[in-house]
Amino acid sequence: MSRDALRQIVAGAATLALCIALLHRYYVRRGPYFEKPRTIVEHVDIIDHEARDVILLAREVAPLIPPGAQVTCFEPVDGKHQYDGINYLSAVGLLPNHQVLPPFAAGEDLSAAEVVEYVIAVREPFDHPAYSVVAGFPTGYLYKARR
């Protein structure tokens, strides 16, 4: 066997191995493969990225919140607010027409007159006596302060 023939066989085998590895990677990260992704974080890992839900939810709630309104965003823990950097900071970037405040602006220690006007609760429901549900979505909820 000549050196050129051996080189072509090795190159062909390496190409086939890389194609199989790429197909396996696509398979593990799930489809759709030939459609526009719903978010920028689709197919980043084999599990859904933690910012995926807030990206989808912000698109849905933005038209329901008046421009310039105060809003906060977090994933509630046991129905209470928490500092949630991923969701809060994502909302800052995704809601440029709104005044996005930190999650403590919807704290349990604040009165109904002091709390932020809107709360975007990612994945879990939010339990605060000063708020009522405006809308529910597959990725979370929108709440408005009762004033």
N, C-alpha and C. Protein backbone atom coordinates (compact mmCIF):
# COMPACT_ATOMS: atom_id res chain seq x y z
N MET A 1 0.85 -1.17 0.00
CA MET A 1 0.00 0.00 0.00
C MET A 1 0.90 1.24 0.00
N SER A 2 0.56 2.18 -0.86
CA SER A 2 1.39 3.38 -0.97
C SER A 2 1.09 4.36 0.16
N ARG A 3 2.00 5.28 0.31
CA ARG A 3 1.86 6.28 1.37
C ARG A 3 0.65 7.18 1.12
N ASP A 4 0.37 7.54 -0.13
CA ASP A 4 -0.78 8.37 -0.46
C ASP A 4 -2.10 7.65 -0.18
N ALA A 5 -2.16 6.39 -0.47
CA ALA A 5 -3.37 5.62 -0.20
C ALA A 5 -3.62 5.53 1.30
N LEU A 6 -2.58 5.31 2.08
CA LEU A 6 -2.70 5.24 3.53
C LEU A 6 -3.16 6.59 4.10
N ARG A 7 -2.62 7.67 3.56
CA ARG A 7 -3.00 9.02 4.00
C ARG A 7 -4.49 9.27 3.72
N GLN A 8 -4.99 8.84 2.57
CA GLN A 8 -6.40 9.02 2.23
C GLN A 8 -7.31 8.18 3.13
N ILE A 9 -6.88 7.00 3.47
CA ILE A 9 -7.67 6.14 4.36
C ILE A 9 -7.75 6.76 5.75
N VAL A 10 -6.62 7.24 6.27
CA VAL A 10 -6.61 7.87 7.60
C VAL A 10 -7.46 9.14 7.59
N ALA A 11 -7.33 9.96 6.55
CA ALA A 11 -8.13 11.19 6.46
C ALA A 11 -9.62 10.87 6.36
N GLY A 12 -9.97 9.87 5.60
CA GLY A 12 -11.38 9.46 5.47
C GLY A 12 -11.94 8.94 6.79
N ALA A 13 -11.15 8.13 7.50
CA ALA A 13 -11.59 7.60 8.79
C ALA A 13 -11.75 8.72 9.82
N ALA A 14 -10.83 9.68 9.83
CA ALA A 14 -10.93 10.81 10.76
C ALA A 14 -12.15 11.66 10.44
N THR A 15 -12.42 11.90 9.16
CA THR A 15 -13.60 12.66 8.75
C THR A 15 -14.88 11.95 9.18
N LEU A 16 -14.94 10.66 9.00
CA LEU A 16 -16.11 9.88 9.41
C LEU A 16 -16.30 9.93 10.93
N ALA A 17 -15.21 9.83 11.68
CA ALA A 17 -15.30 9.90 13.14
C ALA A 17 -15.81 11.27 13.59
N LEU A 18 -15.33 12.34 12.98
CA LEU A 18 -15.79 13.68 13.33
C LEU A 18 -17.26 13.89 12.97
N CYS A 19 -17.70 13.35 11.85
CA CYS A 19 -19.12 13.44 11.46
C CYS A 19 -20.00 12.70 12.45
N ILE A 20 -19.57 11.54 12.87
CA ILE A 20 -20.34 10.77 13.86
C ILE A 20 -20.39 11.52 15.19
N ALA A 21 -19.29 12.12 15.60
CA ALA A 21 -19.26 12.89 16.86
C ALA A 21 -20.20 14.10 16.77
N LEU A 22 -20.21 14.78 15.63
CA LEU A 22 -21.10 15.93 15.45
C LEU A 22 -22.56 15.51 15.48
N LEU A 23 -22.90 14.43 14.80
CA LEU A 23 -24.27 13.93 14.81
C LEU A 23 -24.70 13.53 16.22
N HIS A 24 -23.81 12.92 16.97
CA HIS A 24 -24.13 12.55 18.36
C HIS A 24 -24.37 13.79 19.20
N ARG A 25 -23.56 14.82 19.00
CA ARG A 25 -23.74 16.08 19.75
C ARG A 25 -25.10 16.70 19.43
N TYR A 26 -25.49 16.74 18.17
CA TYR A 26 -26.80 17.27 17.79
C TYR A 26 -27.93 16.43 18.40
N TYR A 27 -27.78 15.14 18.38
CA TYR A 27 -28.80 14.25 18.93
C TYR A 27 -28.98 14.48 20.43
N VAL A 28 -27.89 14.61 21.16
CA VAL A 28 -27.95 14.79 22.61
C VAL A 28 -28.58 16.13 22.98
N ARG A 29 -28.30 17.16 22.20
CA ARG A 29 -28.82 18.50 22.52
C ARG A 29 -30.23 18.74 22.00
N ARG A 30 -30.87 17.77 21.44
CA ARG A 30 -32.27 17.80 21.03
C ARG A 30 -32.55 18.79 19.89
N GLY A 31 -33.62 18.52 19.19
CA GLY A 31 -34.06 19.37 18.08
C GLY A 31 -34.82 20.56 18.57
N PRO A 32 -35.39 21.35 17.75
CA PRO A 32 -35.36 21.27 16.29
C PRO A 32 -34.01 21.72 15.74
N TYR A 33 -33.57 21.04 14.71
CA TYR A 33 -32.24 21.28 14.19
C TYR A 33 -32.21 22.31 13.08
N PHE A 34 -33.26 22.40 12.29
CA PHE A 34 -33.24 23.25 11.11
C PHE A 34 -34.27 24.36 11.19
N GLU A 35 -34.64 24.76 12.40
CA GLU A 35 -35.57 25.85 12.61
C GLU A 35 -34.86 26.93 13.42
N LYS A 36 -35.42 28.13 13.35
CA LYS A 36 -34.88 29.23 14.15
C LYS A 36 -35.12 28.91 15.63
N PRO A 37 -34.09 28.98 16.47
CA PRO A 37 -34.28 28.67 17.89
C PRO A 37 -35.16 29.72 18.57
N ARG A 38 -35.90 29.31 19.60
CA ARG A 38 -36.80 30.22 20.32
C ARG A 38 -36.03 31.24 21.14
N THR A 39 -34.86 30.86 21.66
CA THR A 39 -34.04 31.78 22.46
C THR A 39 -32.58 31.65 22.03
N ILE A 40 -31.78 32.57 22.53
CA ILE A 40 -30.36 32.55 22.21
C ILE A 40 -29.63 31.44 22.95
N VAL A 41 -30.24 30.88 23.99
CA VAL A 41 -29.58 29.86 24.80
C VAL A 41 -30.01 28.44 24.45
N GLU A 42 -30.74 28.28 23.36
CA GLU A 42 -31.12 26.94 22.92
C GLU A 42 -29.87 26.16 22.51
N HIS A 43 -29.83 24.90 22.81
CA HIS A 43 -28.75 23.99 22.42
C HIS A 43 -27.39 24.35 23.03
N VAL A 44 -27.38 25.10 24.13
CA VAL A 44 -26.12 25.43 24.79
C VAL A 44 -25.59 24.21 25.52
N ASP A 45 -26.49 23.42 26.08
CA ASP A 45 -26.10 22.26 26.87
C ASP A 45 -27.15 21.17 26.66
N ILE A 46 -26.92 20.02 27.27
CA ILE A 46 -27.89 18.94 27.14
C ILE A 46 -29.13 19.18 28.01
N ILE A 47 -29.03 20.09 28.96
CA ILE A 47 -30.20 20.50 29.75
C ILE A 47 -30.53 21.94 29.37
N ASP A 48 -31.75 22.38 29.68
CA ASP A 48 -32.14 23.74 29.35
C ASP A 48 -31.34 24.74 30.18
N HIS A 49 -30.92 25.80 29.56
CA HIS A 49 -30.16 26.86 30.24
C HIS A 49 -31.08 27.54 31.25
N GLU A 50 -30.52 27.99 32.37
CA GLU A 50 -31.34 28.57 33.43
C GLU A 50 -31.97 29.90 33.04
N ALA A 51 -31.49 30.58 32.01
CA ALA A 51 -32.08 31.84 31.57
C ALA A 51 -33.15 31.65 30.51
N ARG A 52 -33.36 30.43 30.05
CA ARG A 52 -34.30 30.18 28.96
C ARG A 52 -35.72 30.61 29.32
N ASP A 53 -36.18 30.24 30.50
CA ASP A 53 -37.56 30.55 30.88
C ASP A 53 -37.81 32.04 31.02
N VAL A 54 -36.86 32.77 31.58
CA VAL A 54 -37.06 34.22 31.73
C VAL A 54 -37.05 34.91 30.37
N ILE A 55 -36.28 34.42 29.42
CA ILE A 55 -36.27 35.00 28.08
C ILE A 55 -37.63 34.82 27.43
N LEU A 56 -38.19 33.62 27.52
CA LEU A 56 -39.51 33.36 26.94
C LEU A 56 -40.59 34.16 27.66
N LEU A 57 -40.51 34.21 28.99
CA LEU A 57 -41.52 34.90 29.79
C LEU A 57 -41.49 36.41 29.57
N ALA A 58 -40.31 36.99 29.46
CA ALA A 58 -40.21 38.43 29.26
C ALA A 58 -40.86 38.86 27.95
N ARG A 59 -40.72 38.05 26.92
CA ARG A 59 -41.37 38.36 25.64
C ARG A 59 -42.89 38.39 25.78
N GLU A 60 -43.43 37.49 26.59
CA GLU A 60 -44.88 37.40 26.74
C GLU A 60 -45.46 38.48 27.63
N VAL A 61 -44.74 38.86 28.69
CA VAL A 61 -45.29 39.83 29.64
C VAL A 61 -45.01 41.28 29.24
N ALA A 62 -44.01 41.55 28.43
CA ALA A 62 -43.65 42.92 28.07
C ALA A 62 -44.84 43.72 27.52
N PRO A 63 -45.67 43.16 26.63
CA PRO A 63 -46.80 43.94 26.13
C PRO A 63 -47.88 44.21 27.19
N LEU A 64 -47.89 43.43 28.27
CA LEU A 64 -48.91 43.59 29.31
C LEU A 64 -48.53 44.65 30.34
N ILE A 65 -47.26 45.07 30.34
CA ILE A 65 -46.78 46.04 31.31
C ILE A 65 -46.63 47.39 30.61
N PRO A 66 -47.23 48.45 31.16
CA PRO A 66 -47.10 49.77 30.51
C PRO A 66 -45.64 50.23 30.47
N PRO A 67 -45.25 50.92 29.39
CA PRO A 67 -43.88 51.43 29.31
C PRO A 67 -43.57 52.36 30.49
N GLY A 68 -42.37 52.21 31.03
CA GLY A 68 -41.94 53.04 32.15
C GLY A 68 -42.36 52.52 33.51
N ALA A 69 -43.16 51.47 33.56
CA ALA A 69 -43.62 50.92 34.84
C ALA A 69 -42.47 50.24 35.58
N GLN A 70 -42.57 50.23 36.89
CA GLN A 70 -41.58 49.55 37.72
C GLN A 70 -41.91 48.06 37.77
N VAL A 71 -40.89 47.23 37.60
CA VAL A 71 -41.07 45.79 37.56
C VAL A 71 -39.84 45.12 38.18
N THR A 72 -40.04 43.96 38.75
CA THR A 72 -38.93 43.14 39.21
C THR A 72 -39.16 41.72 38.72
N CYS A 73 -38.09 40.92 38.72
CA CYS A 73 -38.17 39.57 38.18
C CYS A 73 -37.29 38.65 39.01
N PHE A 74 -37.85 37.49 39.39
CA PHE A 74 -37.09 36.50 40.16
C PHE A 74 -37.85 35.18 40.14
N GLU A 75 -37.18 34.13 40.59
CA GLU A 75 -37.83 32.83 40.78
C GLU A 75 -38.13 32.70 42.28
N PRO A 76 -39.41 32.72 42.65
CA PRO A 76 -39.75 32.63 44.08
C PRO A 76 -39.32 31.30 44.70
N VAL A 77 -38.96 31.36 45.97
CA VAL A 77 -38.64 30.18 46.75
C VAL A 77 -39.68 30.11 47.86
N ASP A 78 -40.46 29.04 47.87
CA ASP A 78 -41.57 28.89 48.83
C ASP A 78 -42.51 30.08 48.77
N GLY A 79 -42.72 30.63 47.58
CA GLY A 79 -43.63 31.75 47.38
C GLY A 79 -43.09 33.10 47.78
N LYS A 80 -41.85 33.18 48.21
CA LYS A 80 -41.24 34.43 48.68
C LYS A 80 -40.18 34.92 47.69
N HIS A 81 -39.89 36.22 47.77
CA HIS A 81 -38.87 36.78 46.88
C HIS A 81 -37.48 36.31 47.32
N GLN A 82 -36.56 36.35 46.40
CA GLN A 82 -35.16 36.06 46.68
C GLN A 82 -34.32 36.83 45.66
N TYR A 83 -33.07 37.09 45.98
CA TYR A 83 -32.20 37.70 44.98
C TYR A 83 -31.81 36.62 43.99
N ASP A 84 -32.22 36.81 42.78
CA ASP A 84 -32.02 35.83 41.72
C ASP A 84 -31.33 36.55 40.56
N GLY A 85 -30.02 36.53 40.56
CA GLY A 85 -29.25 37.29 39.59
C GLY A 85 -29.53 36.95 38.15
N ILE A 86 -29.65 35.68 37.83
CA ILE A 86 -29.87 35.28 36.43
C ILE A 86 -31.16 35.88 35.89
N ASN A 87 -32.26 35.69 36.62
CA ASN A 87 -33.55 36.19 36.12
C ASN A 87 -33.66 37.70 36.21
N TYR A 88 -33.22 38.28 37.31
CA TYR A 88 -33.29 39.73 37.47
C TYR A 88 -32.47 40.46 36.42
N LEU A 89 -31.21 40.05 36.25
CA LEU A 89 -30.34 40.73 35.29
C LEU A 89 -30.75 40.46 33.84
N SER A 90 -31.32 39.29 33.59
CA SER A 90 -31.86 39.03 32.25
C SER A 90 -33.02 39.97 31.96
N ALA A 91 -33.88 40.19 32.96
CA ALA A 91 -35.02 41.10 32.79
C ALA A 91 -34.55 42.52 32.55
N VAL A 92 -33.45 42.92 33.18
CA VAL A 92 -32.91 44.27 32.94
C VAL A 92 -32.60 44.45 31.45
N GLY A 93 -32.01 43.45 30.85
CA GLY A 93 -31.67 43.53 29.43
C GLY A 93 -32.85 43.33 28.50
N LEU A 94 -33.82 42.51 28.92
CA LEU A 94 -34.95 42.17 28.05
C LEU A 94 -36.10 43.16 28.12
N LEU A 95 -36.12 44.01 29.13
CA LEU A 95 -37.23 44.97 29.29
C LEU A 95 -36.68 46.40 29.29
N PRO A 96 -36.16 46.87 28.16
CA PRO A 96 -35.54 48.20 28.13
C PRO A 96 -36.52 49.35 28.30
N ASN A 97 -37.80 49.13 28.07
CA ASN A 97 -38.80 50.19 28.19
C ASN A 97 -39.42 50.26 29.58
N HIS A 98 -38.90 49.47 30.50
CA HIS A 98 -39.44 49.42 31.86
C HIS A 98 -38.33 49.71 32.86
N GLN A 99 -38.75 50.11 34.05
CA GLN A 99 -37.79 50.36 35.12
C GLN A 99 -37.69 49.08 35.95
N VAL A 100 -36.64 48.28 35.73
CA VAL A 100 -36.47 47.00 36.40
C VAL A 100 -35.70 47.22 37.70
N LEU A 101 -36.32 46.84 38.81
CA LEU A 101 -35.73 47.01 40.13
C LEU A 101 -35.32 45.66 40.70
N PRO A 102 -34.43 45.64 41.69
CA PRO A 102 -34.01 44.37 42.31
C PRO A 102 -35.18 43.67 43.00
N PRO A 103 -35.08 42.36 43.19
CA PRO A 103 -36.17 41.59 43.79
C PRO A 103 -36.61 42.04 45.18
N PHE A 104 -35.73 42.67 45.96
CA PHE A 104 -36.15 43.08 47.30
C PHE A 104 -37.21 44.19 47.26
N ALA A 105 -37.47 44.75 46.09
CA ALA A 105 -38.52 45.76 45.94
C ALA A 105 -39.91 45.15 46.05
N ALA A 106 -39.99 43.82 46.12
CA ALA A 106 -41.26 43.12 46.33
C ALA A 106 -41.20 42.32 47.62
N GLY A 107 -40.47 42.81 48.60
CA GLY A 107 -40.27 42.09 49.85
C GLY A 107 -41.51 42.03 50.72
N GLU A 108 -41.55 41.01 51.55
CA GLU A 108 -42.69 40.80 52.45
C GLU A 108 -42.77 41.88 53.53
N ASP A 109 -41.65 42.52 53.82
CA ASP A 109 -41.63 43.55 54.86
C ASP A 109 -42.12 44.91 54.37
N LEU A 110 -42.43 45.03 53.08
CA LEU A 110 -42.90 46.29 52.52
C LEU A 110 -44.43 46.31 52.47
N SER A 111 -44.99 47.50 52.64
CA SER A 111 -46.46 47.64 52.56
C SER A 111 -46.89 47.66 51.10
N ALA A 112 -48.19 47.60 50.88
CA ALA A 112 -48.73 47.59 49.51
C ALA A 112 -48.38 48.88 48.76
N ALA A 113 -48.23 49.98 49.48
CA ALA A 113 -47.87 51.25 48.84
C ALA A 113 -46.39 51.33 48.48
N GLU A 114 -45.56 50.52 49.11
CA GLU A 114 -44.11 50.58 48.91
C GLU A 114 -43.58 49.59 47.88
N VAL A 115 -44.31 48.53 47.60
CA VAL A 115 -43.79 47.48 46.72
C VAL A 115 -43.77 47.94 45.27
N VAL A 116 -42.95 47.29 44.49
CA VAL A 116 -42.86 47.55 43.06
C VAL A 116 -44.20 47.21 42.40
N GLU A 117 -44.51 47.89 41.30
CA GLU A 117 -45.84 47.75 40.69
C GLU A 117 -46.09 46.36 40.08
N TYR A 118 -45.11 45.80 39.38
CA TYR A 118 -45.26 44.50 38.72
C TYR A 118 -44.17 43.54 39.17
N VAL A 119 -44.53 42.27 39.26
CA VAL A 119 -43.59 41.20 39.57
C VAL A 119 -43.70 40.13 38.49
N ILE A 120 -42.56 39.75 37.95
CA ILE A 120 -42.49 38.62 37.02
C ILE A 120 -41.92 37.47 37.83
N ALA A 121 -42.73 36.46 38.08
CA ALA A 121 -42.31 35.29 38.85
C ALA A 121 -42.00 34.17 37.86
N VAL A 122 -40.75 33.77 37.80
CA VAL A 122 -40.30 32.75 36.86
C VAL A 122 -40.51 31.36 37.46
N ARG A 123 -41.18 30.51 36.72
CA ARG A 123 -41.43 29.09 37.04
C ARG A 123 -42.38 28.86 38.22
N GLU A 124 -42.21 29.54 39.32
CA GLU A 124 -42.98 29.27 40.54
C GLU A 124 -43.93 30.42 40.85
N PRO A 125 -45.06 30.14 41.53
CA PRO A 125 -45.97 31.22 41.92
C PRO A 125 -45.39 32.06 43.06
N PHE A 126 -45.83 33.30 43.12
CA PHE A 126 -45.37 34.26 44.13
C PHE A 126 -46.52 34.50 45.10
N ASP A 127 -46.24 34.43 46.39
CA ASP A 127 -47.28 34.57 47.41
C ASP A 127 -47.01 35.82 48.24
N HIS A 128 -47.71 36.89 47.91
CA HIS A 128 -47.58 38.15 48.65
C HIS A 128 -48.97 38.78 48.69
N PRO A 129 -49.42 39.22 49.86
CA PRO A 129 -50.78 39.74 49.97
C PRO A 129 -51.02 41.03 49.18
N ALA A 130 -49.98 41.74 48.80
CA ALA A 130 -50.15 42.99 48.07
C ALA A 130 -50.31 42.80 46.56
N TYR A 131 -50.20 41.56 46.07
CA TYR A 131 -50.23 41.31 44.63
C TYR A 131 -51.37 40.38 44.23
N SER A 132 -51.84 40.59 43.00
CA SER A 132 -52.80 39.67 42.40
C SER A 132 -52.27 39.26 41.03
N VAL A 133 -52.65 38.08 40.58
CA VAL A 133 -52.17 37.53 39.31
C VAL A 133 -52.83 38.27 38.15
N VAL A 134 -52.00 38.70 37.21
CA VAL A 134 -52.50 39.32 35.98
C VAL A 134 -52.64 38.24 34.90
N ALA A 135 -51.61 37.41 34.79
CA ALA A 135 -51.61 36.36 33.76
C ALA A 135 -50.65 35.25 34.16
N GLY A 136 -50.98 34.05 33.72
CA GLY A 136 -50.12 32.89 33.93
C GLY A 136 -49.65 32.35 32.60
N PHE A 137 -48.43 31.90 32.55
CA PHE A 137 -47.83 31.38 31.33
C PHE A 137 -47.14 30.06 31.66
N PRO A 138 -46.77 29.27 30.65
CA PRO A 138 -46.06 28.01 30.94
C PRO A 138 -44.74 28.21 31.67
N THR A 139 -44.12 29.37 31.51
CA THR A 139 -42.81 29.60 32.13
C THR A 139 -42.87 30.50 33.36
N GLY A 140 -44.06 30.96 33.77
CA GLY A 140 -44.15 31.79 34.96
C GLY A 140 -45.43 32.60 35.03
N TYR A 141 -45.39 33.66 35.86
CA TYR A 141 -46.58 34.45 36.16
C TYR A 141 -46.24 35.94 36.16
N LEU A 142 -47.26 36.75 35.90
CA LEU A 142 -47.14 38.20 36.04
C LEU A 142 -48.12 38.65 37.11
N TYR A 143 -47.61 39.44 38.07
CA TYR A 143 -48.42 39.94 39.18
C TYR A 143 -48.43 41.46 39.14
N LYS A 144 -49.54 42.04 39.61
CA LYS A 144 -49.66 43.50 39.71
C LYS A 144 -50.04 43.84 41.15
N ALA A 145 -49.43 44.92 41.65
CA ALA A 145 -49.72 45.35 43.02
C ALA A 145 -51.15 45.89 43.11
N ARG A 146 -51.82 45.56 44.20
CA ARG A 146 -53.16 46.11 44.47
C ARG A 146 -52.97 47.44 45.17
N ARG A 147 -53.44 48.49 44.53
CA ARG A 147 -53.27 49.81 45.14
C ARG A 147 -54.56 50.56 45.12
